[in-house]
Structures are given as C-alpha cells and as structure tokens.
Amino acid sequence: MQLVNTLSISNVIQMPSVMEMAEWIADNPKLGAVKGLELLGFQTNTRDRIIGPTSASTTI
C-alpha cells in the first residue's frame, strides 16, 4: 500500500478509492493495516466491518 501511496502522490498512477483500499486491507489482514485500525479503536473482526455496507444494500 505504501508503494501505491508514493506512486499516486507522484502522479504516476491514480489514487485508489476508499473502497479499493478497504478491500485491500480486508484481503490482506496479516500485513499490518488491520492491526493498526484495531489500535485506533476500529472493529475489524469481519470483512464487512472493514469494508462497510455495499452500495447494493444502501440503495433504495
């Protein structure tokens, strides 16, 4: 994720969306981001807690 941040700040690539970052964190729970969120008080015990409600469930 740090590489993506550096490349996007340098305008080499487009910055990832919040959803793309949330999906990456959910797919890679052992790489440190989940632990960091837990230390900040976020509940990360399920994938849905990391990603949040999907757009399909929030549309009327």
N, C-alpha and C. Protein backbone atom coordinates (compact mmCIF):
# COMPACT_ATOMS: atom_id res chain seq x y z
N MET A 1 0.83 -1.18 0.00
CA MET A 1 0.00 0.00 0.00
C MET A 1 0.88 1.25 0.00
N GLN A 2 2.00 1.21 0.65
CA GLN A 2 2.89 2.36 0.69
C GLN A 2 3.39 2.71 -0.72
N LEU A 3 3.68 1.68 -1.52
CA LEU A 3 4.11 1.92 -2.89
C LEU A 3 3.02 2.64 -3.68
N VAL A 4 1.78 2.20 -3.52
CA VAL A 4 0.66 2.84 -4.22
C VAL A 4 0.53 4.29 -3.78
N ASN A 5 0.68 4.54 -2.48
CA ASN A 5 0.60 5.92 -1.99
C ASN A 5 1.68 6.79 -2.63
N THR A 6 2.90 6.29 -2.67
CA THR A 6 4.01 7.04 -3.25
C THR A 6 3.79 7.31 -4.73
N LEU A 7 3.35 6.29 -5.47
CA LEU A 7 3.11 6.46 -6.90
C LEU A 7 1.97 7.44 -7.18
N SER A 8 0.93 7.40 -6.35
CA SER A 8 -0.20 8.31 -6.58
C SER A 8 0.17 9.75 -6.22
N ILE A 9 0.95 9.95 -5.17
CA ILE A 9 1.39 11.29 -4.82
C ILE A 9 2.28 11.87 -5.92
N SER A 10 3.03 11.00 -6.57
CA SER A 10 3.92 11.42 -7.66
C SER A 10 3.18 11.54 -9.00
N ASN A 11 1.87 11.33 -8.99
CA ASN A 11 1.03 11.40 -10.18
C ASN A 11 1.43 10.39 -11.25
N VAL A 12 2.00 9.27 -10.84
CA VAL A 12 2.32 8.19 -11.77
C VAL A 12 1.07 7.34 -12.01
N ILE A 13 0.28 7.16 -10.97
CA ILE A 13 -0.98 6.42 -11.07
C ILE A 13 -2.07 7.23 -10.37
N GLN A 14 -3.32 6.82 -10.59
CA GLN A 14 -4.45 7.47 -9.94
C GLN A 14 -4.56 6.94 -8.51
N MET A 15 -4.88 7.81 -7.56
CA MET A 15 -5.04 7.42 -6.17
C MET A 15 -6.18 6.41 -6.03
N PRO A 16 -5.97 5.34 -5.26
CA PRO A 16 -7.04 4.35 -5.09
C PRO A 16 -8.21 4.96 -4.32
N SER A 17 -9.40 4.42 -4.59
CA SER A 17 -10.59 4.89 -3.88
C SER A 17 -10.59 4.33 -2.46
N VAL A 18 -11.44 4.87 -1.63
CA VAL A 18 -11.57 4.38 -0.26
C VAL A 18 -11.98 2.91 -0.29
N MET A 19 -12.90 2.55 -1.18
CA MET A 19 -13.37 1.17 -1.27
C MET A 19 -12.24 0.24 -1.71
N GLU A 20 -11.41 0.67 -2.65
CA GLU A 20 -10.28 -0.16 -3.10
C GLU A 20 -9.30 -0.39 -1.95
N MET A 21 -9.05 0.64 -1.15
CA MET A 21 -8.15 0.48 -0.01
C MET A 21 -8.76 -0.43 1.04
N ALA A 22 -10.06 -0.27 1.31
CA ALA A 22 -10.74 -1.12 2.29
C ALA A 22 -10.72 -2.59 1.86
N GLU A 23 -10.95 -2.84 0.57
CA GLU A 23 -10.91 -4.21 0.06
C GLU A 23 -9.51 -4.80 0.19
N TRP A 24 -8.48 -4.00 -0.09
CA TRP A 24 -7.10 -4.48 0.04
C TRP A 24 -6.79 -4.83 1.49
N ILE A 25 -7.20 -3.98 2.41
CA ILE A 25 -6.97 -4.24 3.83
C ILE A 25 -7.69 -5.52 4.24
N ALA A 26 -8.94 -5.69 3.81
CA ALA A 26 -9.71 -6.89 4.16
C ALA A 26 -9.10 -8.15 3.56
N ASP A 27 -8.52 -8.05 2.37
CA ASP A 27 -7.91 -9.20 1.71
C ASP A 27 -6.52 -9.54 2.24
N ASN A 28 -5.90 -8.63 2.99
CA ASN A 28 -4.54 -8.84 3.50
C ASN A 28 -4.47 -8.55 5.00
N PRO A 29 -5.22 -9.31 5.80
CA PRO A 29 -5.32 -8.98 7.24
C PRO A 29 -4.03 -9.16 8.04
N LYS A 30 -3.06 -9.86 7.51
CA LYS A 30 -1.84 -10.12 8.28
C LYS A 30 -0.69 -9.17 7.92
N LEU A 31 -0.95 -8.15 7.11
CA LEU A 31 0.12 -7.26 6.68
C LEU A 31 0.24 -5.98 7.51
N GLY A 32 -0.55 -5.84 8.56
CA GLY A 32 -0.37 -4.72 9.48
C GLY A 32 -1.47 -3.67 9.50
N ALA A 33 -2.16 -3.48 8.39
CA ALA A 33 -3.17 -2.42 8.35
C ALA A 33 -4.33 -2.73 9.30
N VAL A 34 -4.73 -3.99 9.38
CA VAL A 34 -5.82 -4.37 10.28
C VAL A 34 -5.42 -4.11 11.72
N LYS A 35 -4.22 -4.49 12.09
CA LYS A 35 -3.75 -4.26 13.47
C LYS A 35 -3.73 -2.76 13.78
N GLY A 36 -3.29 -1.95 12.83
CA GLY A 36 -3.29 -0.50 13.03
C GLY A 36 -4.69 0.05 13.24
N LEU A 37 -5.66 -0.44 12.47
CA LEU A 37 -7.04 0.01 12.65
C LEU A 37 -7.57 -0.41 14.01
N GLU A 38 -7.22 -1.64 14.44
CA GLU A 38 -7.64 -2.11 15.77
C GLU A 38 -7.05 -1.24 16.87
N LEU A 39 -5.79 -0.86 16.74
CA LEU A 39 -5.16 0.01 17.74
C LEU A 39 -5.83 1.38 17.81
N LEU A 40 -6.40 1.81 16.70
CA LEU A 40 -7.12 3.08 16.66
C LEU A 40 -8.57 2.96 17.15
N GLY A 41 -8.98 1.73 17.49
CA GLY A 41 -10.32 1.52 18.03
C GLY A 41 -11.36 1.02 17.05
N PHE A 42 -10.95 0.74 15.80
CA PHE A 42 -11.90 0.21 14.82
C PHE A 42 -12.14 -1.26 15.08
N GLN A 43 -13.36 -1.72 14.82
CA GLN A 43 -13.69 -3.14 14.94
C GLN A 43 -13.45 -3.78 13.58
N THR A 44 -12.55 -4.76 13.55
CA THR A 44 -12.15 -5.36 12.28
C THR A 44 -12.29 -6.88 12.30
N ASN A 45 -13.22 -7.40 13.10
CA ASN A 45 -13.32 -8.85 13.24
C ASN A 45 -13.99 -9.54 12.06
N THR A 46 -14.60 -8.82 11.16
CA THR A 46 -15.16 -9.42 9.94
C THR A 46 -14.85 -8.52 8.75
N ARG A 47 -14.90 -9.11 7.57
CA ARG A 47 -14.66 -8.35 6.34
C ARG A 47 -15.65 -7.21 6.20
N ASP A 48 -16.92 -7.43 6.57
CA ASP A 48 -17.95 -6.39 6.47
C ASP A 48 -17.65 -5.20 7.37
N ARG A 49 -17.00 -5.45 8.49
CA ARG A 49 -16.65 -4.35 9.40
C ARG A 49 -15.56 -3.48 8.80
N ILE A 50 -14.70 -4.06 7.96
CA ILE A 50 -13.63 -3.29 7.32
C ILE A 50 -14.18 -2.54 6.12
N ILE A 51 -14.91 -3.23 5.27
CA ILE A 51 -15.39 -2.63 4.02
C ILE A 51 -16.64 -1.78 4.23
N GLY A 52 -17.51 -2.17 5.14
CA GLY A 52 -18.74 -1.44 5.39
C GLY A 52 -19.85 -1.94 4.49
N PRO A 53 -21.00 -1.29 4.54
CA PRO A 53 -22.11 -1.73 3.71
C PRO A 53 -21.81 -1.55 2.23
N THR A 54 -22.24 -2.49 1.43
CA THR A 54 -22.02 -2.38 -0.01
C THR A 54 -23.05 -1.43 -0.61
N SER A 55 -22.75 -0.93 -1.78
CA SER A 55 -23.67 0.01 -2.42
C SER A 55 -25.00 -0.65 -2.73
N ALA A 56 -25.02 -1.96 -2.98
CA ALA A 56 -26.28 -2.66 -3.28
C ALA A 56 -27.21 -2.65 -2.08
N SER A 57 -26.65 -2.73 -0.87
CA SER A 57 -27.50 -2.77 0.30
C SER A 57 -27.92 -1.38 0.77
N THR A 58 -27.29 -0.33 0.25
CA THR A 58 -27.63 1.01 0.69
C THR A 58 -28.50 1.77 -0.31
N THR A 59 -28.72 1.20 -1.50
CA THR A 59 -29.57 1.88 -2.47
C THR A 59 -31.02 1.56 -2.19
N ILE A 60 -31.90 2.49 -2.52
CA ILE A 60 -33.33 2.29 -2.27
C ILE A 60 -34.02 2.01 -3.58
